[in-house]
Every structure is written in structure tokens, then in C-alpha cells.
Amino acid sequence: MLIVFSSNATGDITMFGDVAERMFELMGHSGTIPSAIAAKDVPTVLERLKAAIEAQNNEGEDDYDDNQDTVADTEDEEDEPKVSVAGRAFPLIQMLSRAADENCSVMWRKQ
């Protein structure tokens, strides 16, 4: 499943469903799809997301495991570097920042 985030302040961002679900958790959102964050709530959600990522970094839980539900078949897959939660959240943080600056809402839907 793919989730598309969109805002009038930016272009669209597409994330894999499991990554998007993690972002919803960090933002304190229910994860309902489709849904949205009202323009007035974007700054609060942005700060919540940043704080959650910072807390994970401080606890040493920065890596996001792409293969958490699968078994690696080859050594190459096992040797691939993990992408940090902060790295995965970066485009969403940028979108939320622009949306906050321009007083726009952020929406998401399944693709």
C-alpha cells in the first residue's frame, strides 16, 4: 500500500504504508486513511513529530527496519544500510513546515 500526502503548499509525497503508519504514530494521529490535518493544527503536529524523532534519537532507536516482517534471502539484503526514522520523516517535516508557513492543511490518501 502507498500513502500520498498532499498540501497546497507543496507537491505530493508518497510513502510506503508501513512508513506512513509510523509517521502517523509519531505525529499522534489515529492513522485514519484518508484524513487530514487542519491548517490551524499543522504547527502543533509538526512540533510533535520533531519531538518524537528527537526522543527516538536520544534513546538510540533511530533506525527504521524495512525488513521487520520479512526474512532476508541474501547477504546483500542484510548488508543494506537502514534508513533512519529522521531520514524517512524529512520530506514530511518539510511539507508540514511549508504548510505551517503558508497556513495550509495537509491531507493523505491511499494510492
C-alpha atoms as a PDB file:
ATOM      1  CA  MET A   1       0.000   0.000   0.000  1.00  0.00           C
ATOM      2  CA  LEU A   2       1.179   3.512  -0.792  1.00  0.00           C
ATOM      3  CA  ILE A   3       0.086   6.666   1.025  1.00  0.00           C
ATOM      4  CA  VAL A   4       0.144  10.035  -0.750  1.00  0.00           C
ATOM      5  CA  PHE A   5       0.480  13.165   1.390  1.00  0.00           C
ATOM      6  CA  SER A   6      -0.543  16.418  -0.267  1.00  0.00           C
ATOM      7  CA  SER A   7      -0.799  20.092   0.555  1.00  0.00           C
ATOM      8  CA  ASN A   8      -1.422  23.253  -1.422  1.00  0.00           C
ATOM      9  CA  ALA A   9       1.913  24.492  -0.041  1.00  0.00           C
ATOM     10  CA  THR A  10       3.982  21.712  -1.679  1.00  0.00           C
ATOM     11  CA  GLY A  11       3.978  18.879  -4.146  1.00  0.00           C
ATOM     12  CA  ASP A  12       2.855  15.384  -3.170  1.00  0.00           C
ATOM     13  CA  ILE A  13       4.902  12.939  -1.089  1.00  0.00           C
ATOM     14  CA  THR A  14       4.417   9.195  -1.476  1.00  0.00           C
ATOM     15  CA  MET A  15       5.374   6.767   1.292  1.00  0.00           C
ATOM     16  CA  PHE A  16       5.031   3.050   1.762  1.00  0.00           C
ATOM     17  CA  GLY A  17       2.102   2.248   4.051  1.00  0.00           C
ATOM     18  CA  ASP A  18       4.188   0.915   6.949  1.00  0.00           C
ATOM     19  CA  VAL A  19       6.398   4.009   6.924  1.00  0.00           C
ATOM     20  CA  ALA A  20       3.365   6.319   6.761  1.00  0.00           C
ATOM     21  CA  GLU A  21       1.770   4.441   9.673  1.00  0.00           C
ATOM     22  CA  ARG A  22       4.913   5.045  11.729  1.00  0.00           C
ATOM     23  CA  MET A  23       4.752   8.751  10.859  1.00  0.00           C
ATOM     24  CA  PHE A  24       1.087   8.844  11.978  1.00  0.00           C
ATOM     25  CA  GLU A  25       2.131   7.331  15.321  1.00  0.00           C
ATOM     26  CA  LEU A  26       4.905   9.879  15.767  1.00  0.00           C
ATOM     27  CA  MET A  27       2.528  12.734  14.875  1.00  0.00           C
ATOM     28  CA  GLY A  28      -0.025  11.464  17.383  1.00  0.00           C
ATOM     29  CA  HIS A  29      -2.594  10.866  14.659  1.00  0.00           C
ATOM     30  CA  SER A  30      -5.047   7.970  14.559  1.00  0.00           C
ATOM     31  CA  GLY A  31      -3.790   6.811  11.163  1.00  0.00           C
ATOM     32  CA  THR A  32      -7.176   7.023   9.530  1.00  0.00           C
ATOM     33  CA  ILE A  33      -6.839   6.964   5.746  1.00  0.00           C
ATOM     34  CA  PRO A  34      -7.930   9.180   4.070  1.00  0.00           C
ATOM     35  CA  SER A  35      -7.671  12.039   6.512  1.00  0.00           C
ATOM     36  CA  ALA A  36      -6.125  15.471   7.012  1.00  0.00           C
ATOM     37  CA  ILE A  37      -4.567  17.910   9.429  1.00  0.00           C
ATOM     38  CA  ALA A  38      -6.346  21.267   9.511  1.00  0.00           C
ATOM     39  CA  ALA A  39      -4.149  24.280   8.791  1.00  0.00           C
ATOM     40  CA  LYS A  40      -4.537  25.553  12.365  1.00  0.00           C
ATOM     41  CA  ASP A  41      -3.257  22.211  13.743  1.00  0.00           C
ATOM     42  CA  VAL A  42      -0.249  21.786  11.439  1.00  0.00           C
ATOM     43  CA  PRO A  43       2.269  23.654  13.668  1.00  0.00           C
ATOM     44  CA  THR A  44       1.346  21.506  16.681  1.00  0.00           C
ATOM     45  CA  VAL A  45       1.615  18.273  14.699  1.00  0.00           C
ATOM     46  CA  LEU A  46       4.940  19.396  13.234  1.00  0.00           C
ATOM     47  CA  GLU A  47       6.392  20.033  16.690  1.00  0.00           C
ATOM     48  CA  ARG A  48       5.034  16.700  17.955  1.00  0.00           C
ATOM     49  CA  LEU A  49       6.693  14.855  15.052  1.00  0.00           C
ATOM     50  CA  LYS A  50      10.016  16.636  15.576  1.00  0.00           C
ATOM     51  CA  ALA A  51       9.921  15.939  19.333  1.00  0.00           C
ATOM     52  CA  ALA A  52       9.141  12.240  18.786  1.00  0.00           C
ATOM     53  CA  ILE A  53      12.041  11.883  16.366  1.00  0.00           C
ATOM     54  CA  GLU A  54      14.385  13.684  18.749  1.00  0.00           C
ATOM     55  CA  ALA A  55      13.268  11.407  21.588  1.00  0.00           C
ATOM     56  CA  GLN A  56      13.986   8.336  19.461  1.00  0.00           C
ATOM     57  CA  ASN A  57      17.400   9.693  18.537  1.00  0.00           C
ATOM     58  CA  ASN A  58      18.174  10.236  22.218  1.00  0.00           C
ATOM     59  CA  GLU A  59      17.068   6.689  23.066  1.00  0.00           C
ATOM     60  CA  GLY A  60      19.139   5.211  20.245  1.00  0.00           C
ATOM     61  CA  GLU A  61      16.107   3.950  18.338  1.00  0.00           C
ATOM     62  CA  ASP A  62      16.829   5.934  15.180  1.00  0.00           C
ATOM     63  CA  ASP A  63      16.908   3.080  12.643  1.00  0.00           C
ATOM     64  CA  TYR A  64      13.775   2.033  10.819  1.00  0.00           C
ATOM     65  CA  ASP A  65      13.808  -1.657   9.915  1.00  0.00           C
ATOM     66  CA  ASP A  66      12.420  -2.137   6.405  1.00  0.00           C
ATOM     67  CA  ASN A  67      12.513  -5.892   6.838  1.00  0.00           C
ATOM     68  CA  GLN A  68      10.793  -6.117  10.182  1.00  0.00           C
ATOM     69  CA  ASP A  69       8.144  -8.530   8.862  1.00  0.00           C
ATOM     70  CA  THR A  70      10.257 -10.334   6.249  1.00  0.00           C
ATOM     71  CA  VAL A  71      13.256 -12.624   6.222  1.00  0.00           C
ATOM     72  CA  ALA A  72      16.294 -11.501   4.231  1.00  0.00           C
ATOM     73  CA  ASP A  73      17.061 -14.021   1.490  1.00  0.00           C
ATOM     74  CA  THR A  74      20.583 -12.900   0.644  1.00  0.00           C
ATOM     75  CA  GLU A  75      23.560 -11.366   2.348  1.00  0.00           C
ATOM     76  CA  ASP A  76      23.137  -8.263   0.171  1.00  0.00           C
ATOM     77  CA  GLU A  77      19.770  -7.516   1.750  1.00  0.00           C
ATOM     78  CA  GLU A  78      21.215  -7.981   5.230  1.00  0.00           C
ATOM     79  CA  ASP A  79      24.105  -5.618   4.476  1.00  0.00           C
ATOM     80  CA  GLU A  80      21.923  -2.777   3.188  1.00  0.00           C
ATOM     81  CA  PRO A  81      22.061   0.261   5.455  1.00  0.00           C
ATOM     82  CA  LYS A  82      18.974   1.095   7.460  1.00  0.00           C
ATOM     83  CA  VAL A  83      17.222   4.372   6.765  1.00  0.00           C
ATOM     84  CA  SER A  84      16.701   6.375   9.930  1.00  0.00           C
ATOM     85  CA  VAL A  85      13.255   7.449  11.073  1.00  0.00           C
ATOM     86  CA  ALA A  86      14.511  11.030  10.825  1.00  0.00           C
ATOM     87  CA  GLY A  87      15.537  10.405   7.227  1.00  0.00           C
ATOM     88  CA  ARG A  88      12.151   8.937   6.369  1.00  0.00           C
ATOM     89  CA  ALA A  89      10.351  11.787   8.125  1.00  0.00           C
ATOM     90  CA  PHE A  90      12.396  14.544   6.464  1.00  0.00           C
ATOM     91  CA  PRO A  91      10.090  15.075   3.427  1.00  0.00           C
ATOM     92  CA  LEU A  92       7.037  15.097   5.690  1.00  0.00           C
ATOM     93  CA  ILE A  93       8.685  17.581   8.061  1.00  0.00           C
ATOM     94  CA  GLN A  94       9.450  19.811   5.084  1.00  0.00           C
ATOM     95  CA  MET A  95       5.841  19.568   3.905  1.00  0.00           C
ATOM     96  CA  LEU A  96       4.459  20.340   7.356  1.00  0.00           C
ATOM     97  CA  SER A  97       6.868  23.281   7.732  1.00  0.00           C
ATOM     98  CA  ARG A  98       5.794  24.802   4.423  1.00  0.00           C
ATOM     99  CA  ALA A  99       2.131  24.140   5.200  1.00  0.00           C
ATOM    100  CA  ALA A 100       2.523  25.865   8.573  1.00  0.00           C
ATOM    101  CA  ASP A 101       4.261  28.844   6.951  1.00  0.00           C
ATOM    102  CA  GLU A 102       1.515  29.173   4.343  1.00  0.00           C
ATOM    103  CA  ASN A 103      -1.395  28.272   6.663  1.00  0.00           C
ATOM    104  CA  CYS A 104      -2.394  25.233   4.567  1.00  0.00           C
ATOM    105  CA  SER A 105      -3.795  21.876   5.562  1.00  0.00           C
ATOM    106  CA  VAL A 106      -2.092  18.541   4.861  1.00  0.00           C
ATOM    107  CA  MET A 107      -4.118  15.616   3.542  1.00  0.00           C
ATOM    108  CA  TRP A 108      -3.361  11.966   2.787  1.00  0.00           C
ATOM    109  CA  ARG A 109      -4.970   9.134   0.897  1.00  0.00           C
ATOM    110  CA  LYS A 110      -4.233   5.621  -0.348  1.00  0.00           C
ATOM    111  CA  GLN A 111      -2.889   5.243  -3.829  1.00  0.00           C
END
